Amino acid sequence: GDVAIWDNRATQHYALDDYGTQERIVRRVSLKGDVPVGVQGQRSQVTKSL
């Protein structure tokens, strides 16, 4: 299997449904740390899921 780790402060992710009949297991891990800041200096805000 593979492990992918990325920093969402500087990454956009768009998952593709291209894994055919293979089982896909996804686990999310969130680490406590600095609040991300945008390129304009604005601080990140928590949004509610739809």
N, C-alpha and C. Protein backbone atom coordinates (compact mmCIF):
# COMPACT_ATOMS: atom_id res chain seq x y z
N GLY A 1 0.81 -1.19 0.00
CA GLY A 1 0.00 0.00 0.00
C GLY A 1 0.85 1.25 0.00
N ASP A 2 0.20 2.35 -0.17
CA ASP A 2 0.85 3.66 -0.22
C ASP A 2 0.36 4.51 0.94
N VAL A 3 1.18 5.45 1.33
CA VAL A 3 0.81 6.45 2.33
C VAL A 3 1.08 7.82 1.71
N ALA A 4 0.10 8.70 1.75
CA ALA A 4 0.26 10.06 1.24
C ALA A 4 0.03 11.04 2.38
N ILE A 5 0.95 11.95 2.56
CA ILE A 5 0.83 12.98 3.59
C ILE A 5 1.03 14.32 2.92
N TRP A 6 0.13 15.27 3.16
CA TRP A 6 0.30 16.60 2.59
C TRP A 6 -0.13 17.64 3.60
N ASP A 7 0.35 18.83 3.41
CA ASP A 7 0.07 19.96 4.28
C ASP A 7 -0.99 20.81 3.59
N ASN A 8 -2.20 20.82 4.11
CA ASN A 8 -3.30 21.54 3.48
C ASN A 8 -3.13 23.05 3.52
N ARG A 9 -2.13 23.54 4.23
CA ARG A 9 -1.91 24.99 4.23
C ARG A 9 -1.41 25.47 2.88
N ALA A 10 -0.88 24.57 2.07
CA ALA A 10 -0.32 24.99 0.78
C ALA A 10 -0.69 24.02 -0.35
N THR A 11 -1.75 23.24 -0.16
CA THR A 11 -2.10 22.21 -1.13
C THR A 11 -3.60 22.19 -1.38
N GLN A 12 -3.99 21.96 -2.62
CA GLN A 12 -5.38 21.69 -2.95
C GLN A 12 -5.44 20.24 -3.41
N HIS A 13 -6.51 19.55 -3.04
CA HIS A 13 -6.63 18.13 -3.36
C HIS A 13 -7.96 17.87 -4.04
N TYR A 14 -7.91 17.15 -5.13
CA TYR A 14 -9.13 16.74 -5.84
C TYR A 14 -9.01 15.24 -6.09
N ALA A 15 -9.78 14.46 -5.35
CA ALA A 15 -9.70 13.00 -5.48
C ALA A 15 -10.37 12.53 -6.75
N LEU A 16 -9.73 11.61 -7.44
CA LEU A 16 -10.29 11.02 -8.65
C LEU A 16 -10.85 9.65 -8.33
N ASP A 17 -11.93 9.31 -8.96
CA ASP A 17 -12.55 7.99 -8.78
C ASP A 17 -11.97 7.05 -9.83
N ASP A 18 -10.66 6.78 -9.72
CA ASP A 18 -9.99 5.98 -10.75
C ASP A 18 -9.32 4.73 -10.18
N TYR A 19 -9.83 4.22 -9.05
CA TYR A 19 -9.19 3.07 -8.45
C TYR A 19 -9.94 1.77 -8.73
N GLY A 20 -10.87 1.80 -9.67
CA GLY A 20 -11.55 0.58 -10.13
C GLY A 20 -12.24 -0.18 -9.03
N THR A 21 -11.98 -1.48 -8.97
CA THR A 21 -12.62 -2.33 -7.96
C THR A 21 -11.76 -2.47 -6.70
N GLN A 22 -10.63 -1.76 -6.65
CA GLN A 22 -9.75 -1.85 -5.49
C GLN A 22 -10.38 -1.15 -4.29
N GLU A 23 -10.20 -1.74 -3.12
CA GLU A 23 -10.70 -1.13 -1.90
C GLU A 23 -9.85 0.10 -1.57
N ARG A 24 -10.50 1.17 -1.20
CA ARG A 24 -9.79 2.39 -0.84
C ARG A 24 -10.11 2.72 0.61
N ILE A 25 -9.09 2.79 1.43
CA ILE A 25 -9.25 3.12 2.85
C ILE A 25 -8.59 4.47 3.08
N VAL A 26 -9.36 5.41 3.60
CA VAL A 26 -8.84 6.76 3.84
C VAL A 26 -9.02 7.08 5.32
N ARG A 27 -7.96 7.55 5.93
CA ARG A 27 -8.02 7.98 7.32
C ARG A 27 -7.48 9.41 7.39
N ARG A 28 -8.17 10.24 8.14
CA ARG A 28 -7.72 11.62 8.29
C ARG A 28 -7.07 11.80 9.66
N VAL A 29 -5.94 12.46 9.67
CA VAL A 29 -5.24 12.79 10.90
C VAL A 29 -5.02 14.29 10.89
N SER A 30 -5.45 14.96 11.95
CA SER A 30 -5.24 16.40 12.07
C SER A 30 -4.29 16.66 13.24
N LEU A 31 -3.26 17.40 12.98
CA LEU A 31 -2.28 17.72 14.01
C LEU A 31 -2.53 19.11 14.56
N LYS A 32 -2.29 19.25 15.83
CA LYS A 32 -2.43 20.55 16.46
C LYS A 32 -1.18 21.36 16.15
N GLY A 33 -1.37 22.62 15.77
CA GLY A 33 -0.21 23.44 15.44
C GLY A 33 -0.61 24.86 15.16
N ASP A 34 0.23 25.56 14.43
CA ASP A 34 -0.03 26.95 14.09
C ASP A 34 -1.27 27.08 13.22
N VAL A 35 -2.00 28.19 13.40
CA VAL A 35 -3.15 28.48 12.55
C VAL A 35 -2.63 28.93 11.20
N PRO A 36 -3.09 28.31 10.10
CA PRO A 36 -2.62 28.71 8.77
C PRO A 36 -2.97 30.16 8.45
N VAL A 37 -2.10 30.80 7.69
CA VAL A 37 -2.29 32.19 7.27
C VAL A 37 -2.22 32.25 5.76
N GLY A 38 -3.19 32.94 5.13
CA GLY A 38 -3.23 33.05 3.68
C GLY A 38 -2.16 33.99 3.14
N VAL A 39 -2.02 34.03 1.82
CA VAL A 39 -1.00 34.87 1.19
C VAL A 39 -1.25 36.35 1.44
N GLN A 40 -2.50 36.72 1.71
CA GLN A 40 -2.83 38.12 2.01
C GLN A 40 -2.72 38.42 3.51
N GLY A 41 -2.25 37.45 4.30
CA GLY A 41 -2.08 37.65 5.73
C GLY A 41 -3.31 37.33 6.56
N GLN A 42 -4.40 36.90 5.92
CA GLN A 42 -5.61 36.58 6.67
C GLN A 42 -5.50 35.19 7.30
N ARG A 43 -6.00 35.07 8.53
CA ARG A 43 -5.93 33.80 9.25
C ARG A 43 -7.02 32.86 8.78
N SER A 44 -6.74 31.58 8.84
CA SER A 44 -7.69 30.55 8.45
C SER A 44 -8.88 30.55 9.40
N GLN A 45 -10.07 30.17 8.87
CA GLN A 45 -11.27 30.10 9.69
C GLN A 45 -11.89 28.72 9.57
N VAL A 46 -12.49 28.25 10.65
CA VAL A 46 -13.18 26.97 10.64
C VAL A 46 -14.50 27.14 9.91
N THR A 47 -14.82 26.21 9.02
CA THR A 47 -16.11 26.22 8.32
C THR A 47 -16.88 24.97 8.70
N LYS A 48 -18.18 25.07 8.70
CA LYS A 48 -19.02 23.92 9.01
C LYS A 48 -19.28 23.14 7.73
N SER A 49 -19.28 21.81 7.84
CA SER A 49 -19.56 20.99 6.66
C SER A 49 -21.04 21.09 6.31
N LEU A 50 -21.34 20.90 5.05
CA LEU A 50 -22.72 21.03 4.57
C LEU A 50 -23.57 19.85 4.96
